[in-house]
């Protein structure tokens, strides 16, 4: 097939294909209206701002700045009165493997609706994608969700049709009221090539993007049983459960070397981390010994080797939430 060169016009075409159809899922099925934004809390805002300042101060001599950090905290201790606060929580950031949380939720929705057959192979891929954070099973799941896969480069007309299908997960989350995110790309260690590279856009402008606010919302919905159905939320929680007892030998072990480093004895953790050579993120649901239940999402950019930034934020937040007045 003739090689198609990248162009700015093609980039515009790709970005235009992302426009969501709010209120409909892929296939036209109606979706319940979004529950909306969790109410902002002045109390929690002080906690988040204090944690952000602590991390910025600790690593400032290394050049760590506000632009390198985003944090969202949701207090679910009383799920009927959930509260939220954030630091740069609406900033779109490349999410690395945290995007797999969104593909997990979409897969459970598709299976609930009968649009994706629930098989041992699908279950195996979801487990490896979330528990081990492997990329190959994420590629398989995204192909299964959207009905398109990689291959030789396409003409602009063919790519437009391909992109429409690949944006199925974007349309699903748009129908739920999610904004400022892009969840249509595979996570790569090498690559992409071919039509997947075309779909990124000439300057990678179509990369995945998440905000800590959007990530915290999804994790809170899973933790409270409101994502897809209570049974499917519980299934997702099983994959997100982390045992952080003992010590992790792998510095990128999700169970030991992200938010877990800040947790006190007796705490419980469910999480999805993401990391590259430029990013280090964690999305965590935590049950503390004192009864507090929180979602804490921390994204860091350009300081991936500074492994104590995320636990620094978590320590400050946990201390503020648990210390007696």
Protein backbone atom coordinates (compact mmCIF):
# COMPACT_ATOMS: atom_id res chain seq x y z
CA UNK A 1 0.00 0.00 0.00
CA UNK A 2 1.24 3.51 -0.81
CA UNK A 3 2.74 5.29 2.17
CA UNK A 4 0.67 8.28 3.34
CA UNK A 5 2.69 11.20 4.70
CA UNK A 6 1.61 13.09 7.83
CA UNK A 7 0.23 16.59 7.40
CA UNK A 8 -1.26 19.34 9.55
CA UNK A 9 -4.55 18.82 7.73
CA UNK A 10 -4.55 15.20 8.79
CA UNK A 11 -3.94 16.26 12.39
CA UNK A 12 -6.98 18.53 12.22
CA UNK A 13 -8.99 15.65 10.78
CA UNK A 14 -8.02 13.38 13.65
CA UNK A 15 -8.81 15.90 16.34
CA UNK A 16 -12.15 16.73 14.73
CA UNK A 17 -13.09 13.06 14.92
CA UNK A 18 -13.04 13.24 18.72
CA UNK A 19 -16.25 15.29 19.01
CA UNK A 20 -18.50 13.32 21.36
CA UNK A 21 -22.18 12.59 21.03
CA UNK A 22 -23.31 13.38 24.56
CA UNK A 23 -26.05 11.13 25.94
CA UNK A 24 -25.34 8.15 23.72
CA UNK A 25 -22.98 5.24 23.94
CA UNK A 26 -21.38 3.40 21.04
CA UNK A 27 -24.23 1.62 19.32
CA UNK A 28 -26.79 4.27 20.28
CA UNK A 29 -27.75 2.94 23.71
CA UNK A 30 -28.92 5.52 26.23
CA UNK A 31 -26.74 6.15 29.23
CA UNK A 32 -27.95 7.49 32.59
CA UNK A 33 -27.19 11.15 33.19
CA UNK A 34 -23.91 11.90 34.95
CA UNK A 35 -24.04 12.40 38.69
CA UNK A 36 -22.02 15.56 38.09
CA UNK A 37 -19.05 17.03 39.85
CA UNK A 38 -18.41 16.10 43.48
CA UNK A 39 -18.96 19.22 45.63
CA UNK A 40 -15.81 21.23 46.34
CA UNK A 41 -14.73 21.40 49.96
CA UNK A 42 -12.84 24.37 51.51
CA UNK A 43 -11.69 21.99 54.26
CA UNK A 44 -10.19 19.55 51.78
CA UNK A 45 -8.78 22.38 49.66
CA UNK A 46 -6.58 23.43 52.59
CA UNK A 47 -5.41 19.84 52.93
CA UNK A 48 -4.56 19.48 49.23
CA UNK A 49 -2.88 22.87 49.00
CA UNK A 50 -0.79 22.06 52.05
CA UNK A 51 0.31 18.71 50.61
CA UNK A 52 1.17 20.28 47.26
CA UNK A 53 3.21 23.01 48.98
CA UNK A 54 5.07 20.41 51.01
CA UNK A 55 6.04 18.43 47.92
CA UNK A 56 6.99 21.53 45.96
CA UNK A 57 9.15 22.78 48.82
CA UNK A 58 10.88 19.45 49.35
CA UNK A 59 11.90 19.02 45.72
CA UNK A 60 12.24 22.67 44.64
CA UNK A 61 16.05 22.56 44.51
CA UNK A 62 15.73 19.88 41.84
CA UNK A 63 13.49 22.15 39.77
CA UNK A 64 10.15 20.60 40.74
CA UNK A 65 7.44 23.19 40.08
CA UNK A 66 3.66 23.53 40.02
CA UNK A 67 3.54 22.58 36.34
CA UNK A 68 4.95 19.15 37.28
CA UNK A 69 2.22 18.22 39.76
CA UNK A 70 -1.52 17.59 39.81
CA UNK A 71 -3.52 16.20 42.73
CA UNK A 72 -7.18 15.38 43.36
CA UNK A 73 -8.59 14.23 46.69
CA UNK A 74 -12.11 12.85 47.20
CA UNK A 75 -13.41 12.12 50.69
CA UNK A 76 -15.79 9.14 50.56
CA UNK A 77 -15.98 8.55 54.30
CA UNK A 78 -19.68 9.36 54.00
CA UNK A 79 -20.42 8.43 50.37
CA UNK A 80 -23.72 10.31 50.55
CA UNK A 81 -21.79 13.51 51.24
CA UNK A 82 -18.65 13.06 49.17
CA UNK A 83 -16.38 16.09 48.93
CA UNK A 84 -13.49 16.95 46.65
CA UNK A 85 -10.55 19.30 46.25
CA UNK A 86 -7.71 19.47 43.77
CA UNK A 87 -4.47 21.12 42.77
CA UNK A 88 -4.36 21.61 38.97
CA UNK A 89 -6.99 18.88 38.84
CA UNK A 90 -8.36 19.93 35.44
CA UNK A 91 -4.98 19.92 33.69
CA UNK A 92 -4.85 17.31 30.85
CA UNK A 93 -1.74 15.16 31.33
CA UNK A 94 -0.38 12.11 29.55
CA UNK A 95 -1.59 9.32 31.87
CA UNK A 96 0.71 6.41 31.00
CA UNK A 97 -0.89 3.19 32.26
CA UNK A 98 -3.52 4.94 34.40
CA UNK A 99 -5.57 5.01 31.19
CA UNK A 100 -6.04 1.27 31.62
CA UNK A 101 -8.50 2.05 34.41
CA UNK A 102 -10.76 3.66 31.78
CA UNK A 103 -10.39 0.70 29.41
CA UNK A 104 -11.29 -1.63 32.28
CA UNK A 105 -14.50 0.29 33.03
CA UNK A 106 -15.40 0.46 29.34
CA UNK A 107 -14.87 -3.29 28.93
CA UNK A 108 -17.19 -4.01 31.85
CA UNK A 109 -19.82 -1.70 30.31
CA UNK A 110 -19.49 -3.39 26.92
CA UNK A 111 -19.84 -6.84 28.50
CA UNK A 112 -22.84 -5.74 30.55
CA UNK A 113 -24.50 -4.50 27.34
CA UNK A 114 -23.61 -7.65 25.39
CA UNK A 115 -21.32 -5.79 22.98
CA UNK A 116 -18.23 -7.64 24.17
CA UNK A 117 -18.37 -11.35 24.91
CA UNK A 118 -17.12 -12.22 28.37
CA UNK A 119 -14.58 -14.98 27.81
CA UNK A 120 -11.65 -16.46 29.69
CA UNK A 121 -9.34 -14.65 27.28
CA UNK A 122 -10.95 -11.27 27.94
CA UNK A 123 -10.81 -11.87 31.69
CA UNK A 124 -7.15 -12.92 31.43
CA UNK A 125 -6.32 -9.77 29.47
CA UNK A 126 -8.12 -7.50 31.94
CA UNK A 127 -6.28 -9.11 34.84
CA UNK A 128 -2.86 -8.77 33.19
CA UNK A 129 -3.66 -5.20 32.11
CA UNK A 130 -4.58 -4.06 35.63
CA UNK A 131 -2.71 -6.33 38.04
CA UNK A 132 0.56 -6.54 36.09
CA UNK A 133 0.04 -3.30 34.11
CA UNK A 134 1.11 -5.03 30.88
CA UNK A 135 0.66 -3.20 27.58
CA UNK A 136 -0.07 -6.11 25.23
CA UNK A 137 -3.35 -7.04 26.96
CA UNK A 138 -4.35 -3.36 26.90
CA UNK A 139 -3.82 -3.39 23.12
CA UNK A 140 -6.05 -6.46 22.86
CA UNK A 141 -8.78 -4.90 25.00
CA UNK A 142 -8.82 -1.59 23.10
CA UNK A 143 -9.00 -3.47 19.78
CA UNK A 144 -11.90 -5.53 21.14
CA UNK A 145 -13.73 -2.44 22.41
CA UNK A 146 -13.41 -0.50 19.17
CA UNK A 147 -13.33 -3.13 16.44
CA UNK A 148 -10.21 -1.73 14.78
CA UNK A 149 -6.55 -2.69 15.10
CA UNK A 150 -3.16 -1.67 13.76
CA UNK A 151 -1.90 -2.26 10.26
CA UNK A 152 -0.42 -0.51 7.24
CA UNK A 153 -0.96 3.21 6.80
CA UNK A 154 -4.33 4.37 5.50
CA UNK A 155 -5.50 7.08 3.16
CA UNK A 156 -7.10 10.12 4.87
CA UNK A 157 -10.57 8.84 3.97
CA UNK A 158 -9.85 5.36 5.33
CA UNK A 159 -8.22 6.79 8.44
CA UNK A 160 -11.26 8.95 9.16
CA UNK A 161 -13.47 5.84 9.19
CA UNK A 162 -10.93 3.97 11.31
CA UNK A 163 -10.71 6.90 13.77
CA UNK A 164 -14.48 7.04 14.16
CA UNK A 165 -14.45 3.45 15.41
CA UNK A 166 -11.38 3.92 17.60
CA UNK A 167 -13.06 6.82 19.40
CA UNK A 168 -15.79 4.57 20.84
CA UNK A 169 -14.35 4.76 24.36
CA UNK A 170 -14.11 8.55 24.14
CA UNK A 171 -17.77 8.74 23.17
CA UNK A 172 -18.74 6.48 26.06
CA UNK A 173 -17.07 8.65 28.69
CA UNK A 174 -18.34 11.83 27.02
CA UNK A 175 -21.86 10.43 27.40
CA UNK A 176 -21.21 10.25 31.14
CA UNK A 177 -20.14 13.87 31.28
CA UNK A 178 -16.37 13.40 31.35
CA UNK A 179 -14.53 16.36 29.82
CA UNK A 180 -10.93 17.26 29.06
CA UNK A 181 -9.77 13.69 28.50
CA UNK A 182 -8.64 11.59 25.54
CA UNK A 183 -8.74 7.80 25.89
CA UNK A 184 -8.27 6.37 22.42
CA UNK A 185 -4.63 5.30 22.24
CA UNK A 186 -2.74 2.17 23.22
CA UNK A 187 0.03 2.43 25.81
CA UNK A 188 3.36 1.70 24.14
CA UNK A 189 6.87 0.78 25.21
CA UNK A 190 8.06 0.83 21.59
CA UNK A 191 6.19 2.32 18.67
CA UNK A 192 3.61 3.10 17.48
CA UNK A 193 3.88 2.33 13.78
CA UNK A 194 1.54 2.27 10.81
CA UNK A 195 -2.02 3.52 11.23
CA UNK A 196 -1.55 3.77 15.00
CA UNK A 197 1.25 6.29 14.37
CA UNK A 198 -0.94 8.18 11.90
CA UNK A 199 -3.68 8.36 14.50
CA UNK A 200 -1.34 10.03 17.00
CA UNK A 201 -1.11 13.04 14.66
CA UNK A 202 2.01 14.56 13.13
CA UNK A 203 3.18 16.02 16.45
CA UNK A 204 1.62 13.41 18.78
CA UNK A 205 -1.20 15.86 19.50
CA UNK A 206 -3.71 13.00 19.76
CA UNK A 207 -1.97 11.27 22.68
CA UNK A 208 -4.00 10.01 25.59
CA UNK A 209 -4.81 12.69 28.15
CA UNK A 210 -6.40 12.45 31.60
CA UNK A 211 -6.99 14.90 34.39
CA UNK A 212 -6.63 13.93 38.03
CA UNK A 213 -10.23 15.12 38.52
CA UNK A 214 -11.57 12.74 35.87
CA UNK A 215 -9.45 9.86 37.14
CA UNK A 216 -10.58 10.44 40.72
CA UNK A 217 -14.20 10.52 39.61
CA UNK A 218 -13.96 7.16 37.87
CA UNK A 219 -12.11 5.50 40.74
CA UNK A 220 -14.64 6.90 43.23
CA UNK A 221 -17.49 5.51 41.14
CA UNK A 222 -15.84 2.10 41.04
CA UNK A 223 -15.13 2.15 44.78
CA UNK A 224 -18.72 3.07 45.66
CA UNK A 225 -20.28 0.54 43.27
CA UNK A 226 -21.63 3.10 40.80
CA UNK A 227 -19.47 2.20 37.79
CA UNK A 228 -21.54 0.10 35.36
CA UNK A 229 -23.26 -2.03 38.06
CA UNK A 230 -22.44 -2.84 41.70
CA UNK A 231 -21.39 -6.36 40.70
CA UNK A 232 -19.09 -5.15 37.94
CA UNK A 233 -17.67 -2.45 40.22
CA UNK A 234 -16.84 -5.16 42.74
CA UNK A 235 -15.15 -7.18 40.00
CA UNK A 236 -13.02 -4.17 39.06
CA UNK A 237 -12.12 -3.58 42.70
CA UNK A 238 -10.77 -7.12 42.95
CA UNK A 239 -8.31 -6.37 40.15
CA UNK A 240 -7.31 -3.08 41.80
CA UNK A 241 -6.70 -4.56 45.26
CA UNK A 242 -3.08 -4.20 46.38
CA UNK A 243 -1.31 -6.06 49.19
CA UNK A 244 1.45 -3.71 50.34
CA UNK A 245 2.67 -5.83 53.23
CA UNK A 246 6.36 -6.63 53.16
CA UNK A 247 8.71 -4.90 50.74
CA UNK A 248 8.56 -4.69 46.97
CA UNK A 249 11.79 -5.42 45.12
CA UNK A 250 10.62 -3.77 41.91
CA UNK A 251 10.80 0.05 42.21
CA UNK A 252 7.73 0.25 39.97
CA UNK A 253 5.68 -2.30 41.91
CA UNK A 254 2.16 -0.84 42.10
CA UNK A 255 1.52 -2.48 45.47
CA UNK A 256 4.56 -1.11 47.29
CA UNK A 257 6.27 1.83 45.63
CA UNK A 258 3.71 4.52 44.89
CA UNK A 259 1.06 5.80 47.34
CA UNK A 260 1.56 2.65 49.41
CA UNK A 261 4.84 4.02 50.78
CA UNK A 262 2.84 6.54 52.82
CA UNK A 263 0.19 4.23 54.25
CA UNK A 264 0.03 3.36 57.94
CA UNK A 265 -0.34 -0.17 59.25
CA UNK A 266 -3.90 -1.37 58.99
CA UNK A 267 -4.73 0.66 55.89
CA UNK A 268 -6.19 -0.98 52.78
CA UNK A 269 -5.31 -0.04 49.20
CA UNK A 270 -6.80 -0.35 45.71
CA UNK A 271 -4.88 1.40 42.95
CA UNK A 272 -3.70 1.80 39.37
CA UNK A 273 -0.29 3.34 38.74
CA UNK A 274 1.35 4.54 35.56
CA UNK A 275 4.94 5.39 34.77
CA UNK A 276 7.24 6.20 31.85
CA UNK A 277 10.65 7.83 31.65
CA UNK A 278 8.92 11.24 32.05
CA UNK A 279 5.79 10.53 34.12
CA UNK A 280 4.96 8.89 37.43
CA UNK A 281 1.31 8.69 38.50
CA UNK A 282 -0.91 6.86 40.94
CA UNK A 283 -4.68 6.62 41.37
CA UNK A 284 -5.48 5.16 44.77
CA UNK A 285 -8.55 4.34 46.83
CA UNK A 286 -7.56 4.08 50.49
CA UNK A 287 -9.35 2.90 53.59
CA UNK A 288 -7.55 4.20 56.66
CA UNK A 289 -7.57 2.50 60.09
CA UNK A 290 -9.59 5.38 61.57
CA UNK A 291 -12.44 4.81 59.13
CA UNK A 292 -11.62 7.50 56.57
CA UNK A 293 -12.14 6.46 52.96
CA UNK A 294 -10.49 8.55 50.29
CA UNK A 295 -9.56 8.61 46.63
CA UNK A 296 -6.19 10.22 46.04
CA UNK A 297 -4.89 10.74 42.51
CA UNK A 298 -1.40 12.20 42.04
CA UNK A 299 0.22 12.86 38.66
CA UNK A 300 3.85 13.99 38.30
CA UNK A 301 5.62 14.94 35.08
CA UNK A 302 9.30 15.26 34.15
CA UNK A 303 10.39 13.86 37.53
CA UNK A 304 9.78 10.15 37.04
CA UNK A 305 12.94 9.19 38.92
CA UNK A 306 11.84 11.07 42.04
CA UNK A 307 9.88 8.19 43.53
CA UNK A 308 9.08 9.93 46.82
CA UNK A 309 6.99 12.79 45.40
CA UNK A 310 3.77 10.77 45.34
CA UNK A 311 4.21 9.37 48.88
CA UNK A 312 5.16 12.85 50.12
CA UNK A 313 1.80 14.17 48.93
CA UNK A 314 0.01 11.16 50.39
CA UNK A 315 1.74 11.44 53.78
CA UNK A 316 0.77 15.09 54.14
CA UNK A 317 -2.84 14.42 53.18
CA UNK A 318 -3.20 11.41 55.48
CA UNK A 319 -1.63 13.33 58.36
CA UNK A 320 -4.02 16.26 57.87
CA UNK A 321 -7.07 14.01 57.66
CA UNK A 322 -6.22 11.86 60.65
CA UNK A 323 -4.64 14.20 63.17
CA UNK A 324 -6.94 15.38 65.96
CA UNK A 325 -7.81 19.10 66.04
